[in-house]
Amino acid sequence: MKLTAIIVDDEFPARAELKSILEEIGDIDIIGECEDGDEVMEMINARRPDVVFLDIQMRNKDGLAAAGEIMELTYSPNVVFTTGFNHFAAQAFELNAVDYILKPYSYERVAKSVSRLIRTKAQQPIQPSIPESNKAARTLSPNLCVWSKDRMIILRPSEIFFAKADENRQTLLQTEQGAMFTKLALKDLENMLTDQGFLRTHKSYLVNLNKVREVIPWFNNTYVLVLENCRETNIPVARHYIKEFNRIMGIA
């Protein structure tokens, strides 16, 4: 599976270097190059790339401003920031960037980013119906910036098994990399992740339906779920949520 990409950088040597590395990787087609944030908006609408490699500091509109506008597009590609400065990282991830690559480029670092993008594209999440009140969330990139011990990790929805409300007013995320935490309320996560295949199954649980491998009938017409490769078992589906769960999962 190949990706399509646009490179945005106001310095020709930087564009040429990144293009050369991407061509060497071989899993990505460069379908456009441009020099500023204004030009890229037109190019995205015309060519609909999978990803935009976006420099931050440019002579006209900078990459952070352009990324904010990209998020508002009907067709919104993934964004990977490319820059020589690490102090923009927090702002970049607030804009839900998929990755943040520092210059000078290395083959290994760019290849790692491309590999992750390919895995993301290959996934086809379940698409439950979106309540009218949640439609605004469709325009948001679903990446999450979460805490793992003393580090902030950029997490893709496909890496999450479930989210659980925590008694310490945090939300626990059980992921492929282990337990992580976010200060977002479970309701906020539900609004962000509904169109990524997540469903509220209990007042305290939001579950990635793409991870469900067993549905076990339980007492009082409830279920417990077994999730693929997840150490925690017996994820509940409460009676209040059974009807919607059955509809989405095709359970008669």
Protein backbone atom coordinates (compact mmCIF):
# COMPACT_ATOMS: atom_id res chain seq x y z
CA MET A 1 0.00 0.00 0.00
CA LYS A 2 1.40 3.37 -1.05
CA LEU A 3 0.74 6.78 0.44
CA THR A 4 0.47 10.03 -1.47
CA ALA A 5 2.15 13.12 -0.08
CA ILE A 6 2.73 16.84 -0.51
CA ILE A 7 5.92 18.48 0.76
CA VAL A 8 5.68 22.08 1.98
CA ASP A 9 8.90 23.99 2.68
CA ASP A 10 10.09 27.40 1.55
CA GLU A 11 13.67 26.12 1.14
CA PHE A 12 14.31 24.09 -2.01
CA PRO A 13 17.27 22.09 -0.56
CA ALA A 14 15.11 20.94 2.36
CA ARG A 15 12.32 19.84 0.01
CA ALA A 16 14.80 18.04 -2.22
CA GLU A 17 16.40 16.22 0.72
CA LEU A 18 13.09 15.01 2.12
CA LYS A 19 11.83 14.01 -1.33
CA SER A 20 14.99 11.99 -1.95
CA ILE A 21 14.57 10.08 1.33
CA LEU A 22 10.88 9.40 0.70
CA GLU A 23 11.63 8.13 -2.81
CA GLU A 24 14.31 5.85 -1.38
CA ILE A 25 11.83 4.46 1.16
CA GLY A 26 9.59 3.62 -1.80
CA ASP A 27 6.23 3.41 0.01
CA ILE A 28 5.11 6.92 -0.82
CA ASP A 29 4.44 8.96 -3.95
CA ILE A 30 5.17 12.70 -3.93
CA ILE A 31 2.28 14.30 -5.79
CA GLY A 32 3.10 17.93 -5.08
CA GLU A 33 5.55 20.45 -3.64
CA CYS A 34 4.97 24.04 -2.58
CA GLU A 35 6.64 26.86 -0.67
CA ASP A 36 4.06 28.24 1.74
CA GLY A 37 0.91 27.59 3.74
CA ASP A 38 -1.38 29.44 1.35
CA GLU A 39 -0.42 27.39 -1.68
CA VAL A 40 -0.82 24.07 0.08
CA MET A 41 -4.53 24.63 0.78
CA GLU A 42 -5.33 24.76 -2.93
CA MET A 43 -3.08 21.78 -3.62
CA ILE A 44 -4.78 19.65 -0.94
CA ASN A 45 -8.23 20.35 -2.38
CA ALA A 46 -7.04 19.56 -5.90
CA ARG A 47 -4.92 16.45 -5.22
CA ARG A 48 -6.24 15.02 -1.90
CA PRO A 49 -3.01 13.59 -0.48
CA ASP A 50 -2.84 11.12 2.39
CA VAL A 51 -0.24 13.21 4.22
CA VAL A 52 1.30 16.67 4.17
CA PHE A 53 4.92 17.07 5.30
CA LEU A 54 4.75 20.62 6.59
CA ASP A 55 7.60 22.94 7.57
CA ILE A 56 6.78 25.34 10.42
CA GLN A 57 8.83 28.49 9.86
CA MET A 58 8.14 29.80 6.35
CA ARG A 59 8.27 33.28 4.84
CA ASN A 60 4.54 33.68 4.28
CA LYS A 61 1.94 31.67 6.21
CA ASP A 62 3.70 29.41 8.72
CA GLY A 63 3.04 25.72 9.14
CA LEU A 64 1.14 26.01 12.41
CA ALA A 65 -1.37 28.41 10.87
CA ALA A 66 -1.69 26.20 7.79
CA ALA A 67 -2.28 23.10 9.94
CA GLY A 68 -5.11 24.85 11.75
CA GLU A 69 -6.78 25.54 8.41
CA ILE A 70 -6.13 21.99 7.17
CA MET A 71 -8.07 20.65 10.16
CA GLU A 72 -11.12 22.62 9.01
CA LEU A 73 -11.11 21.20 5.47
CA THR A 74 -13.79 18.72 4.43
CA TYR A 75 -10.94 16.50 3.24
CA SER A 76 -8.27 16.70 5.93
CA PRO A 77 -5.02 14.75 5.34
CA ASN A 78 -2.60 13.72 8.07
CA VAL A 79 0.03 16.29 8.94
CA VAL A 80 3.67 15.57 9.75
CA PHE A 81 5.59 18.65 10.85
CA THR A 82 9.18 19.00 9.64
CA THR A 83 11.32 21.63 11.33
CA GLY A 84 14.74 22.48 12.66
CA PHE A 85 13.31 23.61 16.02
CA ASN A 86 12.01 21.41 18.82
CA HIS A 87 10.23 24.17 20.79
CA PHE A 88 7.15 24.07 18.54
CA ALA A 89 6.33 20.47 19.49
CA ALA A 90 3.64 21.27 22.06
CA GLN A 91 1.80 23.56 19.62
CA ALA A 92 2.14 21.00 16.86
CA PHE A 93 0.58 18.22 18.87
CA GLU A 94 -2.23 20.50 20.03
CA LEU A 95 -3.05 20.59 16.31
CA ASN A 96 -3.14 16.77 16.35
CA ALA A 97 -0.09 16.25 14.16
CA VAL A 98 0.71 12.63 13.39
CA ASP A 99 4.45 13.22 13.82
CA TYR A 100 7.11 15.88 14.40
CA ILE A 101 10.38 15.30 12.54
CA LEU A 102 13.44 17.39 13.29
CA LYS A 103 15.92 18.51 10.66
CA PRO A 104 18.46 17.47 9.54
CA TYR A 105 16.55 14.44 8.30
CA SER A 106 17.65 10.88 8.81
CA TYR A 107 16.45 7.95 6.71
CA GLU A 108 15.55 5.92 9.81
CA ARG A 109 13.44 8.67 11.37
CA VAL A 110 11.49 9.42 8.18
CA ALA A 111 10.99 5.70 7.47
CA LYS A 112 9.54 5.22 10.95
CA SER A 113 7.02 7.98 10.33
CA VAL A 114 6.02 6.57 6.93
CA SER A 115 5.61 3.08 8.38
CA ARG A 116 3.22 4.39 11.01
CA LEU A 117 1.22 6.30 8.41
CA ILE A 118 0.86 3.17 6.29
CA ARG A 119 -0.40 1.13 9.25
CA THR A 120 -2.95 3.82 10.00
CA LYS A 121 -4.21 3.91 6.41
CA ALA A 122 -4.53 0.12 6.31
CA GLN A 123 -6.95 0.07 9.23
CA GLN A 124 -10.68 0.22 8.46
CA PRO A 125 -12.50 1.05 11.69
CA ILE A 126 -16.15 0.23 12.37
CA GLN A 127 -18.27 3.29 11.68
CA PRO A 128 -21.13 3.58 14.19
CA SER A 129 -23.73 6.24 13.52
CA ILE A 130 -22.81 9.68 14.87
CA PRO A 131 -25.34 11.54 17.04
CA GLU A 132 -26.23 15.02 15.79
CA SER A 133 -24.56 16.58 18.83
CA ASN A 134 -21.25 14.91 17.93
CA LYS A 135 -21.03 15.95 14.26
CA ALA A 136 -18.57 18.76 15.03
CA ALA A 137 -16.06 16.14 16.14
CA ARG A 138 -15.79 14.83 12.56
CA THR A 139 -13.59 17.76 11.60
CA LEU A 140 -11.07 17.02 14.34
CA SER A 141 -8.01 14.88 13.85
CA PRO A 142 -8.34 12.01 16.36
CA ASN A 143 -4.76 11.95 17.65
CA LEU A 144 -4.46 12.21 21.42
CA CYS A 145 -1.63 13.67 23.48
CA VAL A 146 -1.60 11.61 26.69
CA TRP A 147 0.62 11.01 29.71
CA SER A 148 2.68 7.87 30.21
CA LYS A 149 4.65 8.19 33.44
CA ASP A 150 6.63 11.43 32.98
CA ARG A 151 6.30 11.65 29.17
CA MET A 152 3.67 12.85 26.74
CA ILE A 153 2.84 10.30 24.04
CA ILE A 154 1.00 10.91 20.77
CA LEU A 155 -1.57 8.15 20.54
CA ARG A 156 -3.64 6.97 17.58
CA PRO A 157 -7.18 5.70 18.26
CA SER A 158 -6.29 2.32 16.74
CA GLU A 159 -3.78 1.80 19.58
CA ILE A 160 -6.45 2.12 22.30
CA PHE A 161 -8.35 -0.86 23.75
CA PHE A 162 -10.69 1.14 25.96
CA ALA A 163 -10.97 4.26 28.09
CA LYS A 164 -12.16 4.14 31.67
CA ALA A 165 -13.24 6.93 34.00
CA ASP A 166 -10.82 7.18 36.91
CA GLU A 167 -11.76 8.08 40.46
CA ASN A 168 -8.98 10.69 40.50
CA ARG A 169 -10.79 12.77 37.84
CA GLN A 170 -8.56 11.44 35.12
CA THR A 171 -9.36 9.01 32.32
CA LEU A 172 -7.36 5.80 32.04
CA LEU A 173 -6.50 4.65 28.53
CA GLN A 174 -5.60 0.99 28.22
CA THR A 175 -3.41 0.81 25.10
CA GLU A 176 -1.11 -1.52 23.19
CA GLN A 177 1.78 0.26 24.95
CA GLY A 178 0.26 -0.05 28.43
CA ALA A 179 -1.78 2.22 30.69
CA MET A 180 -1.81 5.96 29.98
CA PHE A 181 -3.79 8.88 31.33
CA THR A 182 -5.51 11.96 29.99
CA LYS A 183 -7.27 14.85 31.73
CA LEU A 184 -10.03 14.71 29.09
CA ALA A 185 -13.36 13.57 30.50
CA LEU A 186 -14.82 10.33 29.16
CA LYS A 187 -17.61 12.30 27.48
CA ASP A 188 -15.05 14.46 25.64
CA LEU A 189 -13.25 11.34 24.41
CA GLU A 190 -16.57 9.89 23.30
CA ASN A 191 -17.26 12.99 21.20
CA MET A 192 -13.80 12.80 19.62
CA LEU A 193 -13.69 9.06 18.95
CA THR A 194 -17.22 8.01 18.02
CA ASP A 195 -16.43 8.05 14.30
CA GLN A 196 -13.27 6.01 14.94
CA GLY A 197 -15.23 2.93 16.04
CA PHE A 198 -15.58 3.68 19.76
CA LEU A 199 -18.79 3.17 21.72
CA ARG A 200 -19.85 3.88 25.29
CA THR A 201 -20.72 0.49 26.82
CA HIS A 202 -21.00 1.57 30.46
CA LYS A 203 -21.08 4.87 32.31
CA SER A 204 -17.38 4.35 33.02
CA TYR A 205 -16.22 2.63 29.81
CA LEU A 206 -15.60 3.71 26.21
CA VAL A 207 -14.57 0.72 24.06
CA ASN A 208 -12.80 0.36 20.72
CA LEU A 209 -15.20 -2.00 18.91
CA ASN A 210 -12.47 -2.94 16.42
CA LYS A 211 -10.71 -4.75 19.28
CA VAL A 212 -13.73 -6.84 20.37
CA ARG A 213 -13.20 -10.58 19.81
CA GLU A 214 -15.74 -12.17 22.20
CA VAL A 215 -19.15 -11.08 23.45
CA ILE A 216 -20.16 -13.11 26.50
CA PRO A 217 -23.78 -13.02 27.75
CA TRP A 218 -23.89 -12.09 31.42
CA PHE A 219 -26.53 -11.75 34.11
CA ASN A 220 -29.54 -9.40 33.84
CA ASN A 221 -29.28 -9.24 30.03
CA THR A 222 -25.82 -7.66 30.01
CA TYR A 223 -22.55 -8.64 28.32
CA VAL A 224 -18.88 -8.74 29.09
CA LEU A 225 -16.34 -8.23 26.30
CA VAL A 226 -13.00 -9.83 25.57
CA LEU A 227 -10.67 -7.57 23.58
CA GLU A 228 -7.91 -8.82 21.31
CA ASN A 229 -4.47 -8.83 23.01
CA CYS A 230 -5.83 -6.87 25.98
CA ARG A 231 -4.77 -8.09 29.41
CA GLU A 232 -7.84 -6.72 31.15
CA THR A 233 -10.85 -8.98 30.69
CA ASN A 234 -14.58 -8.72 31.34
CA ILE A 235 -15.18 -5.25 29.94
CA PRO A 236 -18.86 -4.55 30.75
CA VAL A 237 -21.75 -3.67 28.49
CA ALA A 238 -24.44 -2.32 30.81
CA ARG A 239 -28.17 -2.73 30.13
CA HIS A 240 -28.58 0.95 29.28
CA TYR A 241 -26.13 0.53 26.35
CA ILE A 242 -27.17 -2.94 25.12
CA LYS A 243 -29.59 -1.81 22.40
CA GLU A 244 -27.06 0.43 20.62
CA PHE A 245 -24.28 -2.14 21.04
CA ASN A 246 -26.46 -4.87 19.50
CA ARG A 247 -27.39 -2.61 16.58
CA ILE A 248 -23.82 -1.69 15.72
CA MET A 249 -22.45 -5.20 16.18
CA GLY A 250 -25.30 -6.81 14.22
CA ILE A 251 -26.56 -8.89 17.14
CA ALA A 252 -30.17 -9.95 16.64
